Every structure is written in C-alpha cells, then in structure tokens.
Amino acid sequence: MKITDLNYLQMQPVSSRLQESQAGLSAGKAKKALSGDDKKLMDACRDFEAIFVNELLKSMRKTVTKSDLLDNSFGQDVFQSMLDEEYSKLMATSHNSTGLAEMIFLQLQRDINNP
C-alpha cells in the first residue's frame, strides 16, 4: 500500500475525527462559564478521565520489556508510577485531551437536568 493511497479519514488524527462526528459536542460548550454545581461535575469528569488515562498508561507500560541497562528498583517503579499519574492529569486537562470528560459531562448534565 502506497502512502498516497490513504484516504482522508485515515490521514486525520483520531481526536479530530471524534470531534467532527460528535454533532454539537465541543470542548468550548463544556468549558464555558459553569455554575458551581456544573463546575464540580466537570472537575469530577476530568478526574475520571485522568484515572482512565492513568490506567491506559499503566497497561501500555506493562507491554514494554524492561531493559537490564538500568537497575529496576522499587524507587524507580514509584517514580514511574507518580510520573504517569502526573502525565495523565496533564492529558486530561489539556485542550488536546481525549474528550472523554466533556462527553461524560454533557451526558450527566443532560440526565441531571431532565430526570
């Protein structure tokens, strides 16, 4: 397969395809001026996304073979775990996040407002 044979969808990043497919769903809607309860809900959704991304990072880290070049100590494992946790928090709050928090927020907000 030649690289020129790729169609438009394959060349787009997954995040942009997801954003285009979600009619009316944008980070701007979820991040606009939120009331107190909505802000708490959005914070909880972002925390959930951070936990989810952290679990993804843990799973991906397990698939990488460990090198004997460096000592694999308990301290290194703790540091790597803490670093992955911080990475996941940054990923969840960045403007290039997975969008999971925004989707959950909009779903829960709709369910809360229409019981």
C-alpha atoms as a PDB file:
ATOM      1  CA  MET A   1       0.000   0.000   0.000  1.00  0.00           C
ATOM      2  CA  LYS A   2       1.405   3.325  -1.016  1.00  0.00           C
ATOM      3  CA  ILE A   3       1.221   6.257   1.327  1.00  0.00           C
ATOM      4  CA  THR A   4      -0.640   8.197  -1.356  1.00  0.00           C
ATOM      5  CA  ASP A   5      -3.449   5.612  -1.237  1.00  0.00           C
ATOM      6  CA  LEU A   6      -4.545   6.748   2.214  1.00  0.00           C
ATOM      7  CA  ASN A   7      -7.933   8.321   2.223  1.00  0.00           C
ATOM      8  CA  TYR A   8      -8.943  11.468   4.044  1.00  0.00           C
ATOM      9  CA  LEU A   9     -10.217   9.709   7.171  1.00  0.00           C
ATOM     10  CA  GLN A  10      -7.016   7.761   7.663  1.00  0.00           C
ATOM     11  CA  MET A  11      -4.944  10.919   7.457  1.00  0.00           C
ATOM     12  CA  GLN A  12      -6.922  12.779  10.117  1.00  0.00           C
ATOM     13  CA  PRO A  13      -5.984  12.339  13.754  1.00  0.00           C
ATOM     14  CA  VAL A  14      -8.467  10.266  15.734  1.00  0.00           C
ATOM     15  CA  SER A  15      -9.270  13.178  18.027  1.00  0.00           C
ATOM     16  CA  SER A  16     -10.333  15.422  15.152  1.00  0.00           C
ATOM     17  CA  ARG A  17     -12.499  12.664  13.659  1.00  0.00           C
ATOM     18  CA  LEU A  18     -14.169  12.203  17.026  1.00  0.00           C
ATOM     19  CA  GLN A  19     -14.796  15.914  17.338  1.00  0.00           C
ATOM     20  CA  GLU A  20     -16.317  16.067  13.869  1.00  0.00           C
ATOM     21  CA  SER A  21     -18.546  13.067  14.500  1.00  0.00           C
ATOM     22  CA  GLN A  22     -19.994  14.443  17.707  1.00  0.00           C
ATOM     23  CA  ALA A  23     -22.689  16.830  16.498  1.00  0.00           C
ATOM     24  CA  GLY A  24     -22.759  19.854  18.712  1.00  0.00           C
ATOM     25  CA  LEU A  25     -20.163  18.494  21.116  1.00  0.00           C
ATOM     26  CA  SER A  26     -17.224  20.779  21.635  1.00  0.00           C
ATOM     27  CA  ALA A  27     -14.863  21.493  24.462  1.00  0.00           C
ATOM     28  CA  GLY A  28     -15.991  25.114  24.315  1.00  0.00           C
ATOM     29  CA  LYS A  29     -19.531  24.189  25.326  1.00  0.00           C
ATOM     30  CA  ALA A  30     -18.354  22.178  28.295  1.00  0.00           C
ATOM     31  CA  LYS A  31     -15.767  24.771  29.348  1.00  0.00           C
ATOM     32  CA  LYS A  32     -17.969  27.861  29.110  1.00  0.00           C
ATOM     33  CA  ALA A  33     -18.900  29.738  32.270  1.00  0.00           C
ATOM     34  CA  LEU A  34     -20.160  26.950  34.503  1.00  0.00           C
ATOM     35  CA  SER A  35     -22.287  27.285  37.595  1.00  0.00           C
ATOM     36  CA  GLY A  36     -20.986  25.937  40.904  1.00  0.00           C
ATOM     37  CA  ASP A  37     -22.580  22.500  40.540  1.00  0.00           C
ATOM     38  CA  ASP A  38     -21.588  22.216  36.895  1.00  0.00           C
ATOM     39  CA  LYS A  39     -18.009  23.148  37.755  1.00  0.00           C
ATOM     40  CA  LYS A  40     -17.903  20.405  40.395  1.00  0.00           C
ATOM     41  CA  LEU A  41     -19.353  17.941  37.897  1.00  0.00           C
ATOM     42  CA  MET A  42     -16.786  18.935  35.262  1.00  0.00           C
ATOM     43  CA  ASP A  43     -13.959  18.579  37.787  1.00  0.00           C
ATOM     44  CA  ALA A  44     -15.210  15.086  38.657  1.00  0.00           C
ATOM     45  CA  CYS A  45     -15.404  14.185  34.963  1.00  0.00           C
ATOM     46  CA  ARG A  46     -11.846  15.413  34.399  1.00  0.00           C
ATOM     47  CA  ASP A  47     -10.670  13.420  37.413  1.00  0.00           C
ATOM     48  CA  PHE A  48     -12.347  10.341  35.950  1.00  0.00           C
ATOM     49  CA  GLU A  49     -10.639  10.947  32.603  1.00  0.00           C
ATOM     50  CA  ALA A  50      -7.290  11.299  34.399  1.00  0.00           C
ATOM     51  CA  ILE A  51      -7.833   7.968  36.176  1.00  0.00           C
ATOM     52  CA  PHE A  52      -8.810   6.335  32.888  1.00  0.00           C
ATOM     53  CA  VAL A  53      -5.738   7.692  31.084  1.00  0.00           C
ATOM     54  CA  ASN A  54      -3.539   6.601  34.005  1.00  0.00           C
ATOM     55  CA  GLU A  55      -4.851   3.041  33.660  1.00  0.00           C
ATOM     56  CA  LEU A  56      -4.095   3.181  29.933  1.00  0.00           C
ATOM     57  CA  LEU A  57      -0.548   4.327  30.662  1.00  0.00           C
ATOM     58  CA  LYS A  58      -0.094   1.520  33.210  1.00  0.00           C
ATOM     59  CA  SER A  59      -1.308  -1.063  30.716  1.00  0.00           C
ATOM     60  CA  MET A  60       0.930   0.299  27.983  1.00  0.00           C
ATOM     61  CA  ARG A  61       3.910   0.411  30.335  1.00  0.00           C
ATOM     62  CA  LYS A  62       3.424  -3.305  31.133  1.00  0.00           C
ATOM     63  CA  THR A  63       3.819  -4.207  27.458  1.00  0.00           C
ATOM     64  CA  VAL A  64       7.287  -2.661  27.208  1.00  0.00           C
ATOM     65  CA  THR A  65      10.130  -5.033  28.000  1.00  0.00           C
ATOM     66  CA  LYS A  66      12.357  -3.786  30.778  1.00  0.00           C
ATOM     67  CA  SER A  67      15.991  -3.222  29.971  1.00  0.00           C
ATOM     68  CA  ASP A  68      18.802  -4.615  32.078  1.00  0.00           C
ATOM     69  CA  LEU A  69      20.792  -1.483  31.323  1.00  0.00           C
ATOM     70  CA  LEU A  70      19.321   0.331  34.331  1.00  0.00           C
ATOM     71  CA  ASP A  71      18.564  -1.114  37.732  1.00  0.00           C
ATOM     72  CA  ASN A  72      14.870  -1.750  38.249  1.00  0.00           C
ATOM     73  CA  SER A  73      14.433  -0.651  41.827  1.00  0.00           C
ATOM     74  CA  PHE A  74      11.346  -0.015  43.923  1.00  0.00           C
ATOM     75  CA  GLY A  75      12.147   3.700  43.893  1.00  0.00           C
ATOM     76  CA  GLN A  76      12.222   3.748  40.112  1.00  0.00           C
ATOM     77  CA  ASP A  77       8.853   1.978  39.975  1.00  0.00           C
ATOM     78  CA  VAL A  78       7.344   4.501  42.400  1.00  0.00           C
ATOM     79  CA  PHE A  79       8.782   7.405  40.432  1.00  0.00           C
ATOM     80  CA  GLN A  80       7.457   5.991  37.141  1.00  0.00           C
ATOM     81  CA  SER A  81       4.025   5.491  38.681  1.00  0.00           C
ATOM     82  CA  MET A  82       3.944   9.054  40.014  1.00  0.00           C
ATOM     83  CA  LEU A  83       5.182  10.416  36.685  1.00  0.00           C
ATOM     84  CA  ASP A  84       2.461   8.523  34.804  1.00  0.00           C
ATOM     85  CA  GLU A  85      -0.127   9.888  37.227  1.00  0.00           C
ATOM     86  CA  GLU A  86       1.013  13.455  36.556  1.00  0.00           C
ATOM     87  CA  TYR A  87       1.074  12.804  32.808  1.00  0.00           C
ATOM     88  CA  SER A  88      -2.499  11.544  32.974  1.00  0.00           C
ATOM     89  CA  LYS A  89      -3.634  14.637  34.895  1.00  0.00           C
ATOM     90  CA  LEU A  90      -1.993  16.881  32.307  1.00  0.00           C
ATOM     91  CA  MET A  91      -3.523  14.907  29.456  1.00  0.00           C
ATOM     92  CA  ALA A  92      -6.994  15.117  30.984  1.00  0.00           C
ATOM     93  CA  THR A  93      -6.850  18.887  31.476  1.00  0.00           C
ATOM     94  CA  SER A  94      -5.108  19.873  28.247  1.00  0.00           C
ATOM     95  CA  HIS A  95      -7.008  21.190  25.246  1.00  0.00           C
ATOM     96  CA  ASN A  96      -5.870  18.083  23.346  1.00  0.00           C
ATOM     97  CA  SER A  97      -7.458  15.697  25.819  1.00  0.00           C
ATOM     98  CA  THR A  98      -9.326  12.583  24.753  1.00  0.00           C
ATOM     99  CA  GLY A  99     -12.638  14.399  25.129  1.00  0.00           C
ATOM    100  CA  LEU A 100     -13.941  11.756  27.493  1.00  0.00           C
ATOM    101  CA  ALA A 101     -14.532  14.253  30.303  1.00  0.00           C
ATOM    102  CA  GLU A 102     -16.567  16.546  28.062  1.00  0.00           C
ATOM    103  CA  MET A 103     -18.704  13.689  26.743  1.00  0.00           C
ATOM    104  CA  ILE A 104     -19.389  12.362  30.242  1.00  0.00           C
ATOM    105  CA  PHE A 105     -20.120  15.885  31.475  1.00  0.00           C
ATOM    106  CA  LEU A 106     -22.669  16.563  28.743  1.00  0.00           C
ATOM    107  CA  GLN A 107     -24.338  13.179  29.287  1.00  0.00           C
ATOM    108  CA  LEU A 108     -24.562  13.599  33.053  1.00  0.00           C
ATOM    109  CA  GLN A 109     -25.647  17.218  32.786  1.00  0.00           C
ATOM    110  CA  ARG A 110     -28.463  16.224  30.438  1.00  0.00           C
ATOM    111  CA  ASP A 111     -29.518  13.382  32.755  1.00  0.00           C
ATOM    112  CA  ILE A 112     -29.431  15.635  35.815  1.00  0.00           C
ATOM    113  CA  ASN A 113     -31.421  18.417  34.156  1.00  0.00           C
ATOM    114  CA  ASN A 114     -34.037  16.015  32.723  1.00  0.00           C
ATOM    115  CA  PRO A 115     -34.758  13.448  35.462  1.00  0.00           C
END
